[in-house]
């Protein structure tokens, strides 16, 4: 599949917040690894990054960070989206792995006997959606607040309500193995090295 041909940006481009320079490549890498670890438990293929998707996720992260509140984009076509907020003042800020883990915990709200969209489980169902193949991650500081917003975009998007889609794409867990790389101690060491930069940019 030529993803450059199939991926269409239907654009939720409002005027973006001030661009900041953050080293988030390790965060993105760990988030993708965590996604793929959980997807493997449900026999879903691994996600691969798509630059166009990442660019759009980054712009939307900066846009909602400028507004100061999480907001799902309503103009996406065949693109999925999960959002999260990181409070930098807590003793243990959310790591990439922990964000994905929290989404996965929504499995307790999902019924495999009655597969359909559920308000308390849509992060989980998008996370493991079998037809999704690509991912893009954006992260931006909230101006004048010690918070970061994380936007994850997925292509093709999940959570389709067409008949049979949930049954086909959200399968029961088939493995009880370990879940990817969940080395939070290592992540937090990397995080602590960039925290001062995050605060400096967030308060400019």
C-alpha atoms as a PDB file:
ATOM      1  CA  UNK A   1       0.000   0.000   0.000  1.00  0.00           C
ATOM      2  CA  UNK A   2       1.320   3.430  -0.880  1.00  0.00           C
ATOM      3  CA  UNK A   3       0.490   5.286   2.309  1.00  0.00           C
ATOM      4  CA  UNK A   4       1.319   8.643   0.779  1.00  0.00           C
ATOM      5  CA  UNK A   5      -1.495   8.106  -1.730  1.00  0.00           C
ATOM      6  CA  UNK A   6      -3.995   6.620   0.710  1.00  0.00           C
ATOM      7  CA  UNK A   7      -3.465   9.010   3.605  1.00  0.00           C
ATOM      8  CA  UNK A   8      -5.516  12.164   3.285  1.00  0.00           C
ATOM      9  CA  UNK A   9      -5.158  15.119   5.615  1.00  0.00           C
ATOM     10  CA  UNK A  10      -8.655  16.483   6.157  1.00  0.00           C
ATOM     11  CA  UNK A  11      -7.016  19.033   8.387  1.00  0.00           C
ATOM     12  CA  UNK A  12      -7.916  20.389  11.740  1.00  0.00           C
ATOM     13  CA  UNK A  13      -5.361  23.143  11.239  1.00  0.00           C
ATOM     14  CA  UNK A  14      -6.244  26.111  13.375  1.00  0.00           C
ATOM     15  CA  UNK A  15      -3.551  28.725  14.052  1.00  0.00           C
ATOM     16  CA  UNK A  16      -0.937  26.691  15.977  1.00  0.00           C
ATOM     17  CA  UNK A  17       0.657  27.607  19.267  1.00  0.00           C
ATOM     18  CA  UNK A  18       4.215  28.920  19.364  1.00  0.00           C
ATOM     19  CA  UNK A  19       6.496  26.169  18.125  1.00  0.00           C
ATOM     20  CA  UNK A  20       8.876  24.755  20.721  1.00  0.00           C
ATOM     21  CA  UNK A  21      11.876  22.521  20.290  1.00  0.00           C
ATOM     22  CA  UNK A  22      11.682  19.407  22.482  1.00  0.00           C
ATOM     23  CA  UNK A  23      13.627  16.200  22.197  1.00  0.00           C
ATOM     24  CA  UNK A  24      10.707  13.760  22.128  1.00  0.00           C
ATOM     25  CA  UNK A  25      12.096  11.058  19.840  1.00  0.00           C
ATOM     26  CA  UNK A  26      12.686   8.682  22.748  1.00  0.00           C
ATOM     27  CA  UNK A  27       9.157   9.357  23.986  1.00  0.00           C
ATOM     28  CA  UNK A  28       7.727   8.568  20.542  1.00  0.00           C
ATOM     29  CA  UNK A  29       9.831   5.414  20.240  1.00  0.00           C
ATOM     30  CA  UNK A  30       8.710   4.115  23.616  1.00  0.00           C
ATOM     31  CA  UNK A  31       5.081   4.933  22.949  1.00  0.00           C
ATOM     32  CA  UNK A  32       5.167   3.001  19.673  1.00  0.00           C
ATOM     33  CA  UNK A  33       6.848   0.049  21.401  1.00  0.00           C
ATOM     34  CA  UNK A  34       4.164   0.033  24.095  1.00  0.00           C
ATOM     35  CA  UNK A  35       1.417   0.169  21.455  1.00  0.00           C
ATOM     36  CA  UNK A  36       2.923  -2.774  19.616  1.00  0.00           C
ATOM     37  CA  UNK A  37       3.379  -4.790  22.793  1.00  0.00           C
ATOM     38  CA  UNK A  38      -0.320  -4.554  23.612  1.00  0.00           C
ATOM     39  CA  UNK A  39      -1.359  -5.061  20.002  1.00  0.00           C
ATOM     40  CA  UNK A  40       0.640  -8.282  19.922  1.00  0.00           C
ATOM     41  CA  UNK A  41      -1.483  -9.622  22.782  1.00  0.00           C
ATOM     42  CA  UNK A  42      -4.525  -9.299  20.512  1.00  0.00           C
ATOM     43  CA  UNK A  43      -2.912 -10.597  17.294  1.00  0.00           C
ATOM     44  CA  UNK A  44      -2.855  -7.114  15.747  1.00  0.00           C
ATOM     45  CA  UNK A  45       0.052  -6.168  13.482  1.00  0.00           C
ATOM     46  CA  UNK A  46       2.741  -3.741  14.575  1.00  0.00           C
ATOM     47  CA  UNK A  47       2.235  -0.039  13.922  1.00  0.00           C
ATOM     48  CA  UNK A  48       4.829   1.886  11.936  1.00  0.00           C
ATOM     49  CA  UNK A  49       5.342   5.664  12.058  1.00  0.00           C
ATOM     50  CA  UNK A  50       4.093   7.806   9.170  1.00  0.00           C
ATOM     51  CA  UNK A  51       5.664  11.255   8.892  1.00  0.00           C
ATOM     52  CA  UNK A  52       2.572  13.017   7.542  1.00  0.00           C
ATOM     53  CA  UNK A  53       0.544  11.596  10.416  1.00  0.00           C
ATOM     54  CA  UNK A  54       3.162  12.719  12.927  1.00  0.00           C
ATOM     55  CA  UNK A  55       3.246  16.228  11.461  1.00  0.00           C
ATOM     56  CA  UNK A  56      -0.533  16.538  11.758  1.00  0.00           C
ATOM     57  CA  UNK A  57      -0.483  15.181  15.330  1.00  0.00           C
ATOM     58  CA  UNK A  58       2.206  17.693  16.288  1.00  0.00           C
ATOM     59  CA  UNK A  59       0.291  20.643  14.846  1.00  0.00           C
ATOM     60  CA  UNK A  60      -2.884  19.577  16.640  1.00  0.00           C
ATOM     61  CA  UNK A  61      -0.961  19.103  19.908  1.00  0.00           C
ATOM     62  CA  UNK A  62       0.363  22.666  19.616  1.00  0.00           C
ATOM     63  CA  UNK A  63      -3.097  23.950  18.690  1.00  0.00           C
ATOM     64  CA  UNK A  64      -4.891  22.499  21.717  1.00  0.00           C
ATOM     65  CA  UNK A  65      -1.950  23.335  23.996  1.00  0.00           C
ATOM     66  CA  UNK A  66      -2.449  26.989  23.022  1.00  0.00           C
ATOM     67  CA  UNK A  67      -6.127  26.642  23.981  1.00  0.00           C
ATOM     68  CA  UNK A  68      -5.197  25.008  27.284  1.00  0.00           C
ATOM     69  CA  UNK A  69      -7.573  22.037  27.148  1.00  0.00           C
ATOM     70  CA  UNK A  70      -7.763  18.646  25.463  1.00  0.00           C
ATOM     71  CA  UNK A  71     -10.009  18.603  22.408  1.00  0.00           C
ATOM     72  CA  UNK A  72     -10.588  15.861  19.865  1.00  0.00           C
ATOM     73  CA  UNK A  73     -10.492  16.921  16.240  1.00  0.00           C
ATOM     74  CA  UNK A  74     -13.915  16.587  14.618  1.00  0.00           C
ATOM     75  CA  UNK A  75     -12.724  16.829  11.007  1.00  0.00           C
ATOM     76  CA  UNK A  76     -10.756  13.600  10.702  1.00  0.00           C
ATOM     77  CA  UNK A  77     -11.664  11.131   7.952  1.00  0.00           C
ATOM     78  CA  UNK A  78     -10.457   7.540   8.369  1.00  0.00           C
ATOM     79  CA  UNK A  79      -7.975   8.704  10.997  1.00  0.00           C
ATOM     80  CA  UNK A  80      -8.139   7.705  14.664  1.00  0.00           C
ATOM     81  CA  UNK A  81      -7.058   9.827  17.610  1.00  0.00           C
ATOM     82  CA  UNK A  82      -6.169   9.347  21.273  1.00  0.00           C
ATOM     83  CA  UNK A  83      -5.230  12.205  23.628  1.00  0.00           C
ATOM     84  CA  UNK A  84      -3.505  12.487  26.985  1.00  0.00           C
ATOM     85  CA  UNK A  85      -2.162  15.136  29.355  1.00  0.00           C
ATOM     86  CA  UNK A  86       1.056  14.958  31.386  1.00  0.00           C
ATOM     87  CA  UNK A  87       1.259  16.898  34.662  1.00  0.00           C
ATOM     88  CA  UNK A  88       4.918  17.806  35.172  1.00  0.00           C
ATOM     89  CA  UNK A  89       4.466  18.664  38.865  1.00  0.00           C
ATOM     90  CA  UNK A  90       3.529  15.163  40.009  1.00  0.00           C
ATOM     91  CA  UNK A  91       6.192  13.045  41.672  1.00  0.00           C
ATOM     92  CA  UNK A  92       5.889  10.463  38.893  1.00  0.00           C
ATOM     93  CA  UNK A  93       4.858  12.152  35.624  1.00  0.00           C
ATOM     94  CA  UNK A  94       3.128   9.885  33.138  1.00  0.00           C
ATOM     95  CA  UNK A  95       5.630   8.090  30.941  1.00  0.00           C
ATOM     96  CA  UNK A  96       4.886   7.063  27.368  1.00  0.00           C
ATOM     97  CA  UNK A  97       4.422   3.490  28.570  1.00  0.00           C
ATOM     98  CA  UNK A  98       2.079   4.479  31.372  1.00  0.00           C
ATOM     99  CA  UNK A  99      -0.127   6.538  29.059  1.00  0.00           C
ATOM    100  CA  UNK A 100      -0.580   3.555  26.752  1.00  0.00           C
ATOM    101  CA  UNK A 101      -1.093   1.265  29.747  1.00  0.00           C
ATOM    102  CA  UNK A 102      -3.882   3.514  31.048  1.00  0.00           C
ATOM    103  CA  UNK A 103      -5.586   3.332  27.656  1.00  0.00           C
ATOM    104  CA  UNK A 104      -5.242  -0.437  27.655  1.00  0.00           C
ATOM    105  CA  UNK A 105      -6.871  -0.698  31.088  1.00  0.00           C
ATOM    106  CA  UNK A 106     -10.115   0.375  29.418  1.00  0.00           C
ATOM    107  CA  UNK A 107     -10.370  -3.260  28.296  1.00  0.00           C
ATOM    108  CA  UNK A 108     -12.364  -3.775  31.506  1.00  0.00           C
ATOM    109  CA  UNK A 109     -15.106  -1.573  30.027  1.00  0.00           C
ATOM    110  CA  UNK A 110     -15.236  -3.434  26.720  1.00  0.00           C
ATOM    111  CA  UNK A 111     -17.547  -6.370  25.999  1.00  0.00           C
ATOM    112  CA  UNK A 112     -16.217  -8.905  23.508  1.00  0.00           C
ATOM    113  CA  UNK A 113     -19.615 -10.612  23.695  1.00  0.00           C
ATOM    114  CA  UNK A 114     -21.271  -7.400  22.455  1.00  0.00           C
ATOM    115  CA  UNK A 115     -18.575  -5.721  20.332  1.00  0.00           C
ATOM    116  CA  UNK A 116     -19.308  -2.053  19.656  1.00  0.00           C
ATOM    117  CA  UNK A 117     -18.121   1.470  20.453  1.00  0.00           C
ATOM    118  CA  UNK A 118     -18.185   2.185  24.163  1.00  0.00           C
ATOM    119  CA  UNK A 119     -17.585   5.536  25.820  1.00  0.00           C
ATOM    120  CA  UNK A 120     -15.272   4.129  28.469  1.00  0.00           C
ATOM    121  CA  UNK A 121     -13.291   1.915  26.112  1.00  0.00           C
ATOM    122  CA  UNK A 122     -12.623   3.833  22.887  1.00  0.00           C
ATOM    123  CA  UNK A 123      -8.933   4.462  23.690  1.00  0.00           C
ATOM    124  CA  UNK A 124      -8.461   0.715  24.156  1.00  0.00           C
ATOM    125  CA  UNK A 125     -10.330  -0.278  21.012  1.00  0.00           C
ATOM    126  CA  UNK A 126      -8.309   2.148  18.867  1.00  0.00           C
ATOM    127  CA  UNK A 127      -5.102   0.938  20.496  1.00  0.00           C
ATOM    128  CA  UNK A 128      -5.622  -2.687  19.434  1.00  0.00           C
ATOM    129  CA  UNK A 129      -7.671  -2.073  16.236  1.00  0.00           C
ATOM    130  CA  UNK A 130      -6.379  -4.693  13.786  1.00  0.00           C
ATOM    131  CA  UNK A 131      -6.807  -2.715  10.568  1.00  0.00           C
ATOM    132  CA  UNK A 132      -4.733   0.221  11.823  1.00  0.00           C
ATOM    133  CA  UNK A 133      -1.211   0.114  10.401  1.00  0.00           C
ATOM    134  CA  UNK A 134       0.392   3.530  10.981  1.00  0.00           C
ATOM    135  CA  UNK A 135       0.871   5.934  13.869  1.00  0.00           C
ATOM    136  CA  UNK A 136       1.931   9.546  14.395  1.00  0.00           C
ATOM    137  CA  UNK A 137       2.622  11.191  17.753  1.00  0.00           C
ATOM    138  CA  UNK A 138       2.659  14.876  18.700  1.00  0.00           C
ATOM    139  CA  UNK A 139       3.617  16.396  22.045  1.00  0.00           C
ATOM    140  CA  UNK A 140       3.497  20.056  23.083  1.00  0.00           C
ATOM    141  CA  UNK A 141       3.799  22.123  26.285  1.00  0.00           C
ATOM    142  CA  UNK A 142       0.814  24.098  27.533  1.00  0.00           C
ATOM    143  CA  UNK A 143       1.885  27.769  27.701  1.00  0.00           C
ATOM    144  CA  UNK A 144       2.379  29.067  31.257  1.00  0.00           C
ATOM    145  CA  UNK A 145       1.424  25.699  32.758  1.00  0.00           C
ATOM    146  CA  UNK A 146       3.593  22.729  33.772  1.00  0.00           C
ATOM    147  CA  UNK A 147       1.703  20.356  31.487  1.00  0.00           C
ATOM    148  CA  UNK A 148       2.229  18.582  28.194  1.00  0.00           C
ATOM    149  CA  UNK A 149      -0.445  17.452  25.765  1.00  0.00           C
ATOM    150  CA  UNK A 150       0.035  14.249  23.781  1.00  0.00           C
ATOM    151  CA  UNK A 151      -1.828  13.589  20.529  1.00  0.00           C
ATOM    152  CA  UNK A 152      -1.678  10.169  18.877  1.00  0.00           C
ATOM    153  CA  UNK A 153      -3.083   9.754  15.371  1.00  0.00           C
ATOM    154  CA  UNK A 154      -3.796   6.387  13.712  1.00  0.00           C
ATOM    155  CA  UNK A 155      -4.264   5.380  10.069  1.00  0.00           C
ATOM    156  CA  UNK A 156      -6.494   3.791   9.011  1.00  0.00           C
ATOM    157  CA  UNK A 157      -8.620   4.956  11.910  1.00  0.00           C
ATOM    158  CA  UNK A 158     -10.417   2.531  14.191  1.00  0.00           C
ATOM    159  CA  UNK A 159     -13.692   2.587  16.114  1.00  0.00           C
ATOM    160  CA  UNK A 160     -15.802   2.260  12.977  1.00  0.00           C
ATOM    161  CA  UNK A 161     -19.455   1.535  13.698  1.00  0.00           C
ATOM    162  CA  UNK A 162     -20.064  -0.268  10.418  1.00  0.00           C
ATOM    163  CA  UNK A 163     -21.624  -3.692  11.109  1.00  0.00           C
ATOM    164  CA  UNK A 164     -19.043  -6.306  12.022  1.00  0.00           C
ATOM    165  CA  UNK A 165     -16.100  -3.899  12.281  1.00  0.00           C
ATOM    166  CA  UNK A 166     -15.622  -4.122  16.043  1.00  0.00           C
ATOM    167  CA  UNK A 167     -15.945  -7.898  16.053  1.00  0.00           C
ATOM    168  CA  UNK A 168     -13.344  -8.144  13.285  1.00  0.00           C
ATOM    169  CA  UNK A 169     -10.875  -5.563  14.597  1.00  0.00           C
ATOM    170  CA  UNK A 170     -11.031  -5.811  18.395  1.00  0.00           C
ATOM    171  CA  UNK A 171     -10.199  -9.407  19.193  1.00  0.00           C
ATOM    172  CA  UNK A 172      -9.916 -11.010  22.643  1.00  0.00           C
ATOM    173  CA  UNK A 173      -6.498 -11.278  24.194  1.00  0.00           C
ATOM    174  CA  UNK A 174      -4.689 -14.377  22.973  1.00  0.00           C
ATOM    175  CA  UNK A 175      -1.459 -14.130  24.953  1.00  0.00           C
ATOM    176  CA  UNK A 176      -0.455 -13.655  28.556  1.00  0.00           C
ATOM    177  CA  UNK A 177       3.114 -12.736  27.691  1.00  0.00           C
ATOM    178  CA  UNK A 178       5.018  -9.601  28.614  1.00  0.00           C
ATOM    179  CA  UNK A 179       3.969  -6.312  27.096  1.00  0.00           C
ATOM    180  CA  UNK A 180       6.730  -4.733  25.046  1.00  0.00           C
ATOM    181  CA  UNK A 181       9.333  -2.561  26.742  1.00  0.00           C
ATOM    182  CA  UNK A 182       7.876  -1.102  29.930  1.00  0.00           C
ATOM    183  CA  UNK A 183      11.158   0.071  31.461  1.00  0.00           C
ATOM    184  CA  UNK A 184       9.778   3.190  33.140  1.00  0.00           C
ATOM    185  CA  UNK A 185      12.915   3.796  35.209  1.00  0.00           C
ATOM    186  CA  UNK A 186      14.949   4.197  32.033  1.00  0.00           C
ATOM    187  CA  UNK A 187      12.312   6.485  30.528  1.00  0.00           C
ATOM    188  CA  UNK A 188      12.189   8.711  33.612  1.00  0.00           C
ATOM    189  CA  UNK A 189      15.981   9.098  33.524  1.00  0.00           C
ATOM    190  CA  UNK A 190      15.651  10.402  29.970  1.00  0.00           C
ATOM    191  CA  UNK A 191      12.696  12.550  31.033  1.00  0.00           C
ATOM    192  CA  UNK A 192      14.631  14.175  33.872  1.00  0.00           C
ATOM    193  CA  UNK A 193      17.343  15.264  31.426  1.00  0.00           C
ATOM    194  CA  UNK A 194      14.809  17.131  29.282  1.00  0.00           C
ATOM    195  CA  UNK A 195      12.516  18.452  32.022  1.00  0.00           C
ATOM    196  CA  UNK A 196      14.384  21.748  32.446  1.00  0.00           C
ATOM    197  CA  UNK A 197      14.097  22.375  28.705  1.00  0.00           C
ATOM    198  CA  UNK A 198      10.387  21.580  28.843  1.00  0.00           C
ATOM    199  CA  UNK A 199       9.823  24.093  31.639  1.00  0.00           C
ATOM    200  CA  UNK A 200      11.969  26.748  29.959  1.00  0.00           C
ATOM    201  CA  UNK A 201      10.000  26.519  26.716  1.00  0.00           C
ATOM    202  CA  UNK A 202       6.617  26.216  28.412  1.00  0.00           C
ATOM    203  CA  UNK A 203       7.017  29.473  30.292  1.00  0.00           C
ATOM    204  CA  UNK A 204       8.408  31.630  27.463  1.00  0.00           C
END
